Amino acid sequence: MPSSLRISFYTLMAMIAFAANSLLCRMALVETEISPGMFTAVRLLSGAITLFVITRLLRVPSVKAGSWRGALALFTYAAAFSFAYVSMSTGTGALLLFGSVQITMICAGLLAGERFHRWQVLGFLLAIAGLIVLLMPGLSAPPFGAAALMLCAGFAWGLYSIMGRGAVSGIAVTSGNFIYAVVFVIALLGVSAAMESELTADFSGMVLGIASGALASGIGYTLWYQVLPHIKSTHAATIQLSVPVLAVIAGWLFLSEAITLQIVLASLAILGGIWIVIKSRSKG
């Protein structure tokens, strides 16, 4: 990737793709007849196919790079993410997801023996306070069950990210995990059929699910992993702070979701607290 302009463009497209996952899921569940279980299945299947084709073109051995642990974490994230978005706005879901992902990874660092300085402790507590503000009763507050599911999705994605540290090829590992996750998708469909759970879909819902899997996930991850070797890890973490903000704006633009004072204050606290931790860690 020779030019800084290309790096900036790929980075922007990757962040838009990540934010689009929240928008596409919420849009599908609100405006179409697709069920969250079917959306999960379509997203993971289309993502697996897209990433398999990409890694074949890049001549990367994706299947061997994946693991059942990584696939289970990926599937848990995707399923909880879809079912949570039945009852919460695009921006609220993205903030809960991103906040819980980062807090999971911060806690993992503490358990591994990482020492926090005063500013890092302050940032961590500020991010926790932001999550509490987001969950307090108000126009932006989601139902308890939906919030618990999104926090679970964030925890699973945090674990997935921790498992992927040190991987030689991030795109190979992600592709392999998507492929392994197809087994869990088949199990989900089988259990749903046996329990006569609702698995509905229409054309519009299927299109949004495929867009989430193939474009926002498959192409988004590919662009991001092309960028990562060319930027510092602290810069990469800081850049990802833009994703919940983009999701809030997208929900307002495309679904007419209100940007309330509650979600603004929660955003400032969560993203500001995480930014403090990231910057303090890089200085340390």
C-alpha atoms as a PDB file:
ATOM      1  CA  MET A   1       0.000   0.000   0.000  1.00  0.00           C
ATOM      2  CA  PRO A   2       2.329   2.717  -1.272  1.00  0.00           C
ATOM      3  CA  SER A   3       0.456   5.992  -0.741  1.00  0.00           C
ATOM      4  CA  SER A   4      -0.869   7.685   2.407  1.00  0.00           C
ATOM      5  CA  LEU A   5      -3.958   8.688   0.426  1.00  0.00           C
ATOM      6  CA  ARG A   6      -4.768   5.039  -0.262  1.00  0.00           C
ATOM      7  CA  ILE A   7      -4.233   4.144   3.399  1.00  0.00           C
ATOM      8  CA  SER A   8      -6.597   6.938   4.462  1.00  0.00           C
ATOM      9  CA  PHE A   9      -9.221   5.889   1.915  1.00  0.00           C
ATOM     10  CA  TYR A  10      -9.104   2.208   2.902  1.00  0.00           C
ATOM     11  CA  THR A  11      -9.311   3.180   6.581  1.00  0.00           C
ATOM     12  CA  LEU A  12     -12.346   5.384   5.998  1.00  0.00           C
ATOM     13  CA  MET A  13     -14.105   2.677   3.984  1.00  0.00           C
ATOM     14  CA  ALA A  14     -13.381   0.069   6.688  1.00  0.00           C
ATOM     15  CA  MET A  15     -14.820   2.277   9.456  1.00  0.00           C
ATOM     16  CA  ILE A  16     -17.925   2.997   7.362  1.00  0.00           C
ATOM     17  CA  ALA A  17     -18.305  -0.741   6.749  1.00  0.00           C
ATOM     18  CA  PHE A  18     -18.075  -1.548  10.467  1.00  0.00           C
ATOM     19  CA  ALA A  19     -20.664   1.110  11.316  1.00  0.00           C
ATOM     20  CA  ALA A  20     -22.833  -0.168   8.451  1.00  0.00           C
ATOM     21  CA  ASN A  21     -23.141  -3.554  10.176  1.00  0.00           C
ATOM     22  CA  SER A  22     -25.180  -1.916  12.941  1.00  0.00           C
ATOM     23  CA  LEU A  23     -27.287   0.076  10.488  1.00  0.00           C
ATOM     24  CA  LEU A  24     -27.976  -2.875   8.157  1.00  0.00           C
ATOM     25  CA  CYS A  25     -28.971  -5.160  11.026  1.00  0.00           C
ATOM     26  CA  ARG A  26     -31.279  -2.597  12.627  1.00  0.00           C
ATOM     27  CA  MET A  27     -32.755  -1.655   9.253  1.00  0.00           C
ATOM     28  CA  ALA A  28     -33.428  -5.297   8.384  1.00  0.00           C
ATOM     29  CA  LEU A  29     -35.171  -6.004  11.680  1.00  0.00           C
ATOM     30  CA  VAL A  30     -37.253  -2.814  11.578  1.00  0.00           C
ATOM     31  CA  GLU A  31     -38.178  -2.498   7.899  1.00  0.00           C
ATOM     32  CA  THR A  32     -38.300  -6.097   6.624  1.00  0.00           C
ATOM     33  CA  GLU A  33     -39.743  -9.454   7.658  1.00  0.00           C
ATOM     34  CA  ILE A  34     -36.430 -11.213   8.329  1.00  0.00           C
ATOM     35  CA  SER A  35     -36.015 -12.695  11.807  1.00  0.00           C
ATOM     36  CA  PRO A  36     -32.832 -12.130  13.845  1.00  0.00           C
ATOM     37  CA  GLY A  37     -31.888 -15.807  13.606  1.00  0.00           C
ATOM     38  CA  MET A  38     -32.206 -15.802   9.833  1.00  0.00           C
ATOM     39  CA  PHE A  39     -30.301 -12.509   9.592  1.00  0.00           C
ATOM     40  CA  THR A  40     -27.455 -14.064  11.605  1.00  0.00           C
ATOM     41  CA  ALA A  41     -27.378 -17.081   9.311  1.00  0.00           C
ATOM     42  CA  VAL A  42     -27.412 -15.020   6.102  1.00  0.00           C
ATOM     43  CA  ARG A  43     -24.744 -12.643   7.411  1.00  0.00           C
ATOM     44  CA  LEU A  44     -22.325 -15.385   8.459  1.00  0.00           C
ATOM     45  CA  LEU A  45     -22.883 -17.527   5.367  1.00  0.00           C
ATOM     46  CA  SER A  46     -22.394 -14.638   2.931  1.00  0.00           C
ATOM     47  CA  GLY A  47     -19.395 -13.430   4.929  1.00  0.00           C
ATOM     48  CA  ALA A  48     -17.828 -16.896   4.837  1.00  0.00           C
ATOM     49  CA  ILE A  49     -18.285 -17.178   1.064  1.00  0.00           C
ATOM     50  CA  THR A  50     -16.918 -13.682   0.419  1.00  0.00           C
ATOM     51  CA  LEU A  51     -13.867 -14.136   2.628  1.00  0.00           C
ATOM     52  CA  PHE A  52     -13.179 -17.595   1.189  1.00  0.00           C
ATOM     53  CA  VAL A  53     -13.148 -16.153  -2.340  1.00  0.00           C
ATOM     54  CA  ILE A  54     -10.920 -13.248  -1.266  1.00  0.00           C
ATOM     55  CA  THR A  55      -8.394 -15.480   0.478  1.00  0.00           C
ATOM     56  CA  ARG A  56      -8.331 -17.808  -2.523  1.00  0.00           C
ATOM     57  CA  LEU A  57      -7.530 -14.829  -4.761  1.00  0.00           C
ATOM     58  CA  LEU A  58      -4.829 -13.738  -2.301  1.00  0.00           C
ATOM     59  CA  ARG A  59      -3.592 -17.351  -2.056  1.00  0.00           C
ATOM     60  CA  VAL A  60      -3.941 -17.350   1.736  1.00  0.00           C
ATOM     61  CA  PRO A  61      -4.678 -20.702   3.492  1.00  0.00           C
ATOM     62  CA  SER A  62      -7.747 -19.519   5.385  1.00  0.00           C
ATOM     63  CA  VAL A  63      -9.274 -22.825   6.557  1.00  0.00           C
ATOM     64  CA  LYS A  64      -6.134 -23.919   8.406  1.00  0.00           C
ATOM     65  CA  ALA A  65      -5.865 -20.507  10.065  1.00  0.00           C
ATOM     66  CA  GLY A  66      -9.306 -20.709  11.672  1.00  0.00           C
ATOM     67  CA  SER A  67     -10.238 -22.422  14.937  1.00  0.00           C
ATOM     68  CA  TRP A  68     -13.351 -23.736  16.632  1.00  0.00           C
ATOM     69  CA  ARG A  69     -12.808 -21.392  19.592  1.00  0.00           C
ATOM     70  CA  GLY A  70     -12.615 -18.390  17.317  1.00  0.00           C
ATOM     71  CA  ALA A  71     -15.650 -19.550  15.346  1.00  0.00           C
ATOM     72  CA  LEU A  72     -17.715 -19.993  18.526  1.00  0.00           C
ATOM     73  CA  ALA A  73     -16.800 -16.493  19.726  1.00  0.00           C
ATOM     74  CA  LEU A  74     -17.634 -15.087  16.275  1.00  0.00           C
ATOM     75  CA  PHE A  75     -20.988 -16.893  16.152  1.00  0.00           C
ATOM     76  CA  THR A  76     -21.885 -15.826  19.713  1.00  0.00           C
ATOM     77  CA  TYR A  77     -21.144 -12.217  18.822  1.00  0.00           C
ATOM     78  CA  ALA A  78     -23.151 -12.302  15.579  1.00  0.00           C
ATOM     79  CA  ALA A  79     -26.180 -14.050  17.099  1.00  0.00           C
ATOM     80  CA  ALA A  80     -26.362 -11.880  20.233  1.00  0.00           C
ATOM     81  CA  PHE A  81     -25.824  -8.781  18.061  1.00  0.00           C
ATOM     82  CA  SER A  82     -28.787  -9.630  15.825  1.00  0.00           C
ATOM     83  CA  PHE A  83     -31.213 -10.515  18.609  1.00  0.00           C
ATOM     84  CA  ALA A  84     -30.217  -7.407  20.611  1.00  0.00           C
ATOM     85  CA  TYR A  85     -30.983  -5.084  17.718  1.00  0.00           C
ATOM     86  CA  VAL A  86     -34.639  -6.099  17.746  1.00  0.00           C
ATOM     87  CA  SER A  87     -35.202  -3.649  20.612  1.00  0.00           C
ATOM     88  CA  MET A  88     -32.613  -0.862  20.447  1.00  0.00           C
ATOM     89  CA  SER A  89     -31.528   1.970  18.184  1.00  0.00           C
ATOM     90  CA  THR A  90     -28.532   1.768  15.859  1.00  0.00           C
ATOM     91  CA  GLY A  91     -26.379   4.188  17.853  1.00  0.00           C
ATOM     92  CA  THR A  92     -27.225   2.775  21.264  1.00  0.00           C
ATOM     93  CA  GLY A  93     -26.340  -0.726  20.109  1.00  0.00           C
ATOM     94  CA  ALA A  94     -23.051   0.382  18.574  1.00  0.00           C
ATOM     95  CA  LEU A  95     -22.040   2.229  21.747  1.00  0.00           C
ATOM     96  CA  LEU A  96     -22.901  -0.718  23.985  1.00  0.00           C
ATOM     97  CA  LEU A  97     -21.064  -3.114  21.687  1.00  0.00           C
ATOM     98  CA  PHE A  98     -17.950  -0.985  21.307  1.00  0.00           C
ATOM     99  CA  GLY A  99     -17.815  -0.091  24.989  1.00  0.00           C
ATOM    100  CA  SER A 100     -18.112  -3.699  26.146  1.00  0.00           C
ATOM    101  CA  VAL A 101     -15.524  -4.867  23.590  1.00  0.00           C
ATOM    102  CA  GLN A 102     -12.966  -2.352  24.817  1.00  0.00           C
ATOM    103  CA  ILE A 103     -13.720  -2.935  28.514  1.00  0.00           C
ATOM    104  CA  THR A 104     -13.325  -6.696  27.965  1.00  0.00           C
ATOM    105  CA  MET A 105      -9.905  -6.156  26.387  1.00  0.00           C
ATOM    106  CA  ILE A 106      -8.857  -3.694  29.104  1.00  0.00           C
ATOM    107  CA  CYS A 107      -9.865  -6.169  31.821  1.00  0.00           C
ATOM    108  CA  ALA A 108      -7.936  -8.910  30.017  1.00  0.00           C
ATOM    109  CA  GLY A 109      -4.852  -6.690  30.136  1.00  0.00           C
ATOM    110  CA  LEU A 110      -5.302  -6.137  33.867  1.00  0.00           C
ATOM    111  CA  LEU A 111      -5.706  -9.876  34.489  1.00  0.00           C
ATOM    112  CA  ALA A 112      -2.531 -10.476  32.482  1.00  0.00           C
ATOM    113  CA  GLY A 113      -0.615  -8.218  34.854  1.00  0.00           C
ATOM    114  CA  GLU A 114      -0.718  -4.927  32.997  1.00  0.00           C
ATOM    115  CA  ARG A 115      -0.379  -1.974  35.355  1.00  0.00           C
ATOM    116  CA  PHE A 116      -2.667   1.000  34.986  1.00  0.00           C
ATOM    117  CA  HIS A 117      -1.517   4.533  35.662  1.00  0.00           C
ATOM    118  CA  ARG A 118      -3.764   7.169  37.226  1.00  0.00           C
ATOM    119  CA  TRP A 119      -5.058   8.490  33.904  1.00  0.00           C
ATOM    120  CA  GLN A 120      -5.813   4.995  32.642  1.00  0.00           C
ATOM    121  CA  VAL A 121      -7.858   4.245  35.763  1.00  0.00           C
ATOM    122  CA  LEU A 122      -9.733   7.515  35.262  1.00  0.00           C
ATOM    123  CA  GLY A 123     -10.437   6.690  31.618  1.00  0.00           C
ATOM    124  CA  PHE A 124     -11.619   3.181  32.474  1.00  0.00           C
ATOM    125  CA  LEU A 125     -14.004   4.478  35.169  1.00  0.00           C
ATOM    126  CA  LEU A 126     -15.262   7.173  32.781  1.00  0.00           C
ATOM    127  CA  ALA A 127     -16.088   4.552  30.137  1.00  0.00           C
ATOM    128  CA  ILE A 128     -17.941   2.453  32.732  1.00  0.00           C
ATOM    129  CA  ALA A 129     -19.871   5.547  33.803  1.00  0.00           C
ATOM    130  CA  GLY A 130     -20.810   6.173  30.162  1.00  0.00           C
ATOM    131  CA  LEU A 131     -22.270   2.668  29.870  1.00  0.00           C
ATOM    132  CA  ILE A 132     -24.257   3.249  33.053  1.00  0.00           C
ATOM    133  CA  VAL A 133     -25.607   6.535  31.669  1.00  0.00           C
ATOM    134  CA  LEU A 134     -26.606   4.773  28.450  1.00  0.00           C
ATOM    135  CA  LEU A 135     -28.514   2.102  30.395  1.00  0.00           C
ATOM    136  CA  MET A 136     -30.320   4.542  32.707  1.00  0.00           C
ATOM    137  CA  PRO A 137     -34.054   5.089  32.035  1.00  0.00           C
ATOM    138  CA  GLY A 138     -34.557   7.532  29.172  1.00  0.00           C
ATOM    139  CA  LEU A 139     -35.386   7.789  25.473  1.00  0.00           C
ATOM    140  CA  SER A 140     -32.117   6.100  24.446  1.00  0.00           C
ATOM    141  CA  ALA A 141     -32.119   3.356  27.080  1.00  0.00           C
ATOM    142  CA  PRO A 142     -32.734  -0.140  25.648  1.00  0.00           C
ATOM    143  CA  PRO A 143     -34.726  -2.877  27.427  1.00  0.00           C
ATOM    144  CA  PHE A 144     -32.690  -4.896  29.922  1.00  0.00           C
ATOM    145  CA  GLY A 145     -32.773  -8.114  27.883  1.00  0.00           C
ATOM    146  CA  ALA A 146     -31.612  -6.414  24.688  1.00  0.00           C
ATOM    147  CA  ALA A 147     -28.860  -4.554  26.562  1.00  0.00           C
ATOM    148  CA  ALA A 148     -27.651  -7.794  28.154  1.00  0.00           C
ATOM    149  CA  LEU A 149     -27.495  -9.449  24.732  1.00  0.00           C
ATOM    150  CA  MET A 150     -25.471  -6.585  23.234  1.00  0.00           C
ATOM    151  CA  LEU A 151     -23.077  -6.611  26.185  1.00  0.00           C
ATOM    152  CA  CYS A 152     -22.710 -10.357  25.615  1.00  0.00           C
ATOM    153  CA  ALA A 153     -21.979  -9.674  21.936  1.00  0.00           C
ATOM    154  CA  GLY A 154     -19.294  -7.181  22.928  1.00  0.00           C
ATOM    155  CA  PHE A 155     -17.758  -9.617  25.411  1.00  0.00           C
ATOM    156  CA  ALA A 156     -17.633 -12.326  22.724  1.00  0.00           C
ATOM    157  CA  TRP A 157     -16.039  -9.960  20.200  1.00  0.00           C
ATOM    158  CA  GLY A 158     -13.527  -8.840  22.831  1.00  0.00           C
ATOM    159  CA  LEU A 159     -12.529 -12.460  23.396  1.00  0.00           C
ATOM    160  CA  TYR A 160     -12.362 -12.975  19.628  1.00  0.00           C
ATOM    161  CA  SER A 161     -10.002 -10.010  19.312  1.00  0.00           C
ATOM    162  CA  ILE A 162      -7.806 -11.295  22.140  1.00  0.00           C
ATOM    163  CA  MET A 163      -7.595 -14.732  20.482  1.00  0.00           C
ATOM    164  CA  GLY A 164      -6.493 -13.072  17.240  1.00  0.00           C
ATOM    165  CA  ARG A 165      -3.551 -11.198  18.739  1.00  0.00           C
ATOM    166  CA  GLY A 166      -0.266 -12.205  17.199  1.00  0.00           C
ATOM    167  CA  ALA A 167      -1.865 -13.811  14.155  1.00  0.00           C
ATOM    168  CA  VAL A 168       0.393 -13.816  11.110  1.00  0.00           C
ATOM    169  CA  SER A 169      -2.530 -13.019   8.800  1.00  0.00           C
ATOM    170  CA  GLY A 170      -5.633 -11.424  10.265  1.00  0.00           C
ATOM    171  CA  ILE A 171      -7.644 -11.910   7.079  1.00  0.00           C
ATOM    172  CA  ALA A 172      -6.751 -15.627   6.989  1.00  0.00           C
ATOM    173  CA  VAL A 173      -7.811 -16.148  10.615  1.00  0.00           C
ATOM    174  CA  THR A 174     -11.055 -14.210  10.156  1.00  0.00           C
ATOM    175  CA  SER A 175     -11.878 -16.084   6.954  1.00  0.00           C
ATOM    176  CA  GLY A 176     -11.173 -19.439   8.584  1.00  0.00           C
ATOM    177  CA  ASN A 177     -13.328 -18.576  11.595  1.00  0.00           C
ATOM    178  CA  PHE A 178     -16.221 -17.509   9.361  1.00  0.00           C
ATOM    179  CA  ILE A 179     -15.968 -20.827   7.536  1.00  0.00           C
ATOM    180  CA  TYR A 180     -15.927 -22.829  10.789  1.00  0.00           C
ATOM    181  CA  ALA A 181     -18.874 -20.740  12.058  1.00  0.00           C
ATOM    182  CA  VAL A 182     -21.030 -22.167   9.249  1.00  0.00           C
ATOM    183  CA  VAL A 183     -21.335 -25.327  11.369  1.00  0.00           C
ATOM    184  CA  PHE A 184     -22.859 -23.280  14.207  1.00  0.00           C
ATOM    185  CA  VAL A 185     -25.181 -21.595  11.706  1.00  0.00           C
ATOM    186  CA  ILE A 186     -26.447 -25.005  10.560  1.00  0.00           C
ATOM    187  CA  ALA A 187     -26.941 -25.981  14.210  1.00  0.00           C
ATOM    188  CA  LEU A 188     -28.881 -22.749  14.834  1.00  0.00           C
ATOM    189  CA  LEU A 189     -31.182 -23.412  11.887  1.00  0.00           C
ATOM    190  CA  GLY A 190     -31.656 -27.023  12.954  1.00  0.00           C
ATOM    191  CA  VAL A 191     -32.505 -26.157  16.557  1.00  0.00           C
ATOM    192  CA  SER A 192     -34.854 -23.388  15.423  1.00  0.00           C
ATOM    193  CA  ALA A 193     -36.663 -25.778  13.079  1.00  0.00           C
ATOM    194  CA  ALA A 194     -36.927 -28.470  15.781  1.00  0.00           C
ATOM    195  CA  MET A 195     -38.339 -25.975  18.299  1.00  0.00           C
ATOM    196  CA  GLU A 196     -40.585 -24.466  15.623  1.00  0.00           C
ATOM    197  CA  SER A 197     -39.018 -21.065  16.275  1.00  0.00           C
ATOM    198  CA  GLU A 198     -39.803 -18.282  13.877  1.00  0.00           C
ATOM    199  CA  LEU A 199     -37.322 -18.181  10.976  1.00  0.00           C
ATOM    200  CA  THR A 200     -38.767 -15.736   8.486  1.00  0.00           C
ATOM    201  CA  ALA A 201     -37.242 -13.771   5.646  1.00  0.00           C
ATOM    202  CA  ASP A 202     -38.245 -11.693   2.663  1.00  0.00           C
ATOM    203  CA  PHE A 203     -36.261 -10.444  -0.322  1.00  0.00           C
ATOM    204  CA  SER A 204     -35.337  -7.085   1.232  1.00  0.00           C
ATOM    205  CA  GLY A 205     -34.221  -8.725   4.471  1.00  0.00           C
ATOM    206  CA  MET A 206     -32.068 -11.225   2.592  1.00  0.00           C
ATOM    207  CA  VAL A 207     -30.429  -8.425   0.594  1.00  0.00           C
ATOM    208  CA  LEU A 208     -29.599  -6.503   3.781  1.00  0.00           C
ATOM    209  CA  GLY A 209     -28.239  -9.664   5.415  1.00  0.00           C
ATOM    210  CA  ILE A 210     -26.028 -10.407   2.410  1.00  0.00           C
ATOM    211  CA  ALA A 211     -24.844  -6.786   2.359  1.00  0.00           C
ATOM    212  CA  SER A 212     -23.921  -7.062   6.037  1.00  0.00           C
ATOM    213  CA  GLY A 213     -22.029 -10.315   5.534  1.00  0.00           C
ATOM    214  CA  ALA A 214     -20.412  -9.791   2.148  1.00  0.00           C
ATOM    215  CA  LEU A 215     -19.789  -6.028   2.109  1.00  0.00           C
ATOM    216  CA  ALA A 216     -19.768  -4.675   5.667  1.00  0.00           C
ATOM    217  CA  SER A 217     -18.071  -7.773   7.124  1.00  0.00           C
ATOM    218  CA  GLY A 218     -16.164  -9.513   4.324  1.00  0.00           C
ATOM    219  CA  ILE A 219     -14.948  -6.482   2.378  1.00  0.00           C
ATOM    220  CA  GLY A 220     -14.730  -4.350   5.539  1.00  0.00           C
ATOM    221  CA  TYR A 221     -12.392  -6.773   7.307  1.00  0.00           C
ATOM    222  CA  THR A 222     -10.308  -7.203   4.155  1.00  0.00           C
ATOM    223  CA  LEU A 223      -9.758  -3.449   3.853  1.00  0.00           C
ATOM    224  CA  TRP A 224      -8.944  -3.134   7.551  1.00  0.00           C
ATOM    225  CA  TYR A 225      -6.375  -5.920   7.501  1.00  0.00           C
ATOM    226  CA  GLN A 226      -4.752  -4.306   4.468  1.00  0.00           C
ATOM    227  CA  VAL A 227      -4.396  -1.077   6.467  1.00  0.00           C
ATOM    228  CA  LEU A 228      -3.256  -2.484   9.826  1.00  0.00           C
ATOM    229  CA  PRO A 229       0.378  -3.282   8.887  1.00  0.00           C
ATOM    230  CA  HIS A 230       0.867   0.357   7.878  1.00  0.00           C
ATOM    231  CA  ILE A 231      -0.380   2.123  11.029  1.00  0.00           C
ATOM    232  CA  LYS A 232       0.535   1.984  14.709  1.00  0.00           C
ATOM    233  CA  SER A 233      -1.612  -0.164  16.986  1.00  0.00           C
ATOM    234  CA  THR A 234      -2.523   2.836  19.148  1.00  0.00           C
ATOM    235  CA  HIS A 235      -3.593   4.752  16.043  1.00  0.00           C
ATOM    236  CA  ALA A 236      -5.687   1.769  14.942  1.00  0.00           C
ATOM    237  CA  ALA A 237      -7.453   1.658  18.307  1.00  0.00           C
ATOM    238  CA  THR A 238      -8.068   5.401  18.243  1.00  0.00           C
ATOM    239  CA  ILE A 239      -9.441   5.317  14.690  1.00  0.00           C
ATOM    240  CA  GLN A 240     -12.026   2.730  15.711  1.00  0.00           C
ATOM    241  CA  LEU A 241     -13.527   5.249  18.130  1.00  0.00           C
ATOM    242  CA  SER A 242     -15.225   6.722  15.056  1.00  0.00           C
ATOM    243  CA  VAL A 243     -17.377   3.625  14.467  1.00  0.00           C
ATOM    244  CA  PRO A 244     -20.067   4.258  17.141  1.00  0.00           C
ATOM    245  CA  VAL A 245     -20.232   7.926  16.114  1.00  0.00           C
ATOM    246  CA  LEU A 246     -20.785   6.935  12.482  1.00  0.00           C
ATOM    247  CA  ALA A 247     -23.457   4.454  13.599  1.00  0.00           C
ATOM    248  CA  VAL A 248     -25.306   7.142  15.582  1.00  0.00           C
ATOM    249  CA  ILE A 249     -25.263   9.466  12.555  1.00  0.00           C
ATOM    250  CA  ALA A 250     -26.343   6.655  10.208  1.00  0.00           C
ATOM    251  CA  GLY A 251     -29.284   5.765  12.438  1.00  0.00           C
ATOM    252  CA  TRP A 252     -30.358   9.410  12.450  1.00  0.00           C
ATOM    253  CA  LEU A 253     -29.999   9.791   8.672  1.00  0.00           C
ATOM    254  CA  PHE A 254     -31.528   6.531   7.470  1.00  0.00           C
ATOM    255  CA  LEU A 255     -33.918   5.498  10.263  1.00  0.00           C
ATOM    256  CA  SER A 256     -34.817   8.902  11.760  1.00  0.00           C
ATOM    257  CA  GLU A 257     -33.525   7.811  15.172  1.00  0.00           C
ATOM    258  CA  ALA A 258     -33.285  10.637  17.694  1.00  0.00           C
ATOM    259  CA  ILE A 259     -29.879  11.832  18.897  1.00  0.00           C
ATOM    260  CA  THR A 260     -30.761  12.528  22.529  1.00  0.00           C
ATOM    261  CA  LEU A 261     -28.754  14.266  25.239  1.00  0.00           C
ATOM    262  CA  GLN A 262     -28.453  10.900  26.959  1.00  0.00           C
ATOM    263  CA  ILE A 263     -26.747   9.262  23.995  1.00  0.00           C
ATOM    264  CA  VAL A 264     -24.494  12.300  23.461  1.00  0.00           C
ATOM    265  CA  LEU A 265     -23.325  12.273  27.107  1.00  0.00           C
ATOM    266  CA  ALA A 266     -22.864   8.490  27.048  1.00  0.00           C
ATOM    267  CA  SER A 267     -20.866   8.743  23.805  1.00  0.00           C
ATOM    268  CA  LEU A 268     -18.569  11.408  25.246  1.00  0.00           C
ATOM    269  CA  ALA A 269     -17.972   9.387  28.404  1.00  0.00           C
ATOM    270  CA  ILE A 270     -17.476   5.974  26.745  1.00  0.00           C
ATOM    271  CA  LEU A 271     -15.362   7.111  23.809  1.00  0.00           C
ATOM    272  CA  GLY A 272     -13.521   9.759  25.822  1.00  0.00           C
ATOM    273  CA  GLY A 273     -12.684   7.268  28.565  1.00  0.00           C
ATOM    274  CA  ILE A 274     -11.398   4.682  26.092  1.00  0.00           C
ATOM    275  CA  TRP A 275      -9.368   7.380  24.304  1.00  0.00           C
ATOM    276  CA  ILE A 276      -7.709   8.313  27.611  1.00  0.00           C
ATOM    277  CA  VAL A 277      -6.780   4.677  28.240  1.00  0.00           C
ATOM    278  CA  ILE A 278      -5.376   4.271  24.717  1.00  0.00           C
ATOM    279  CA  LYS A 279      -3.313   7.485  24.824  1.00  0.00           C
ATOM    280  CA  SER A 280      -2.028   6.832  28.342  1.00  0.00           C
ATOM    281  CA  ARG A 281      -1.071   3.288  27.376  1.00  0.00           C
ATOM    282  CA  SER A 282       0.847   4.489  24.303  1.00  0.00           C
ATOM    283  CA  LYS A 283       2.785   7.037  26.392  1.00  0.00           C
ATOM    284  CA  GLY A 284       3.565   4.390  28.994  1.00  0.00           C
END
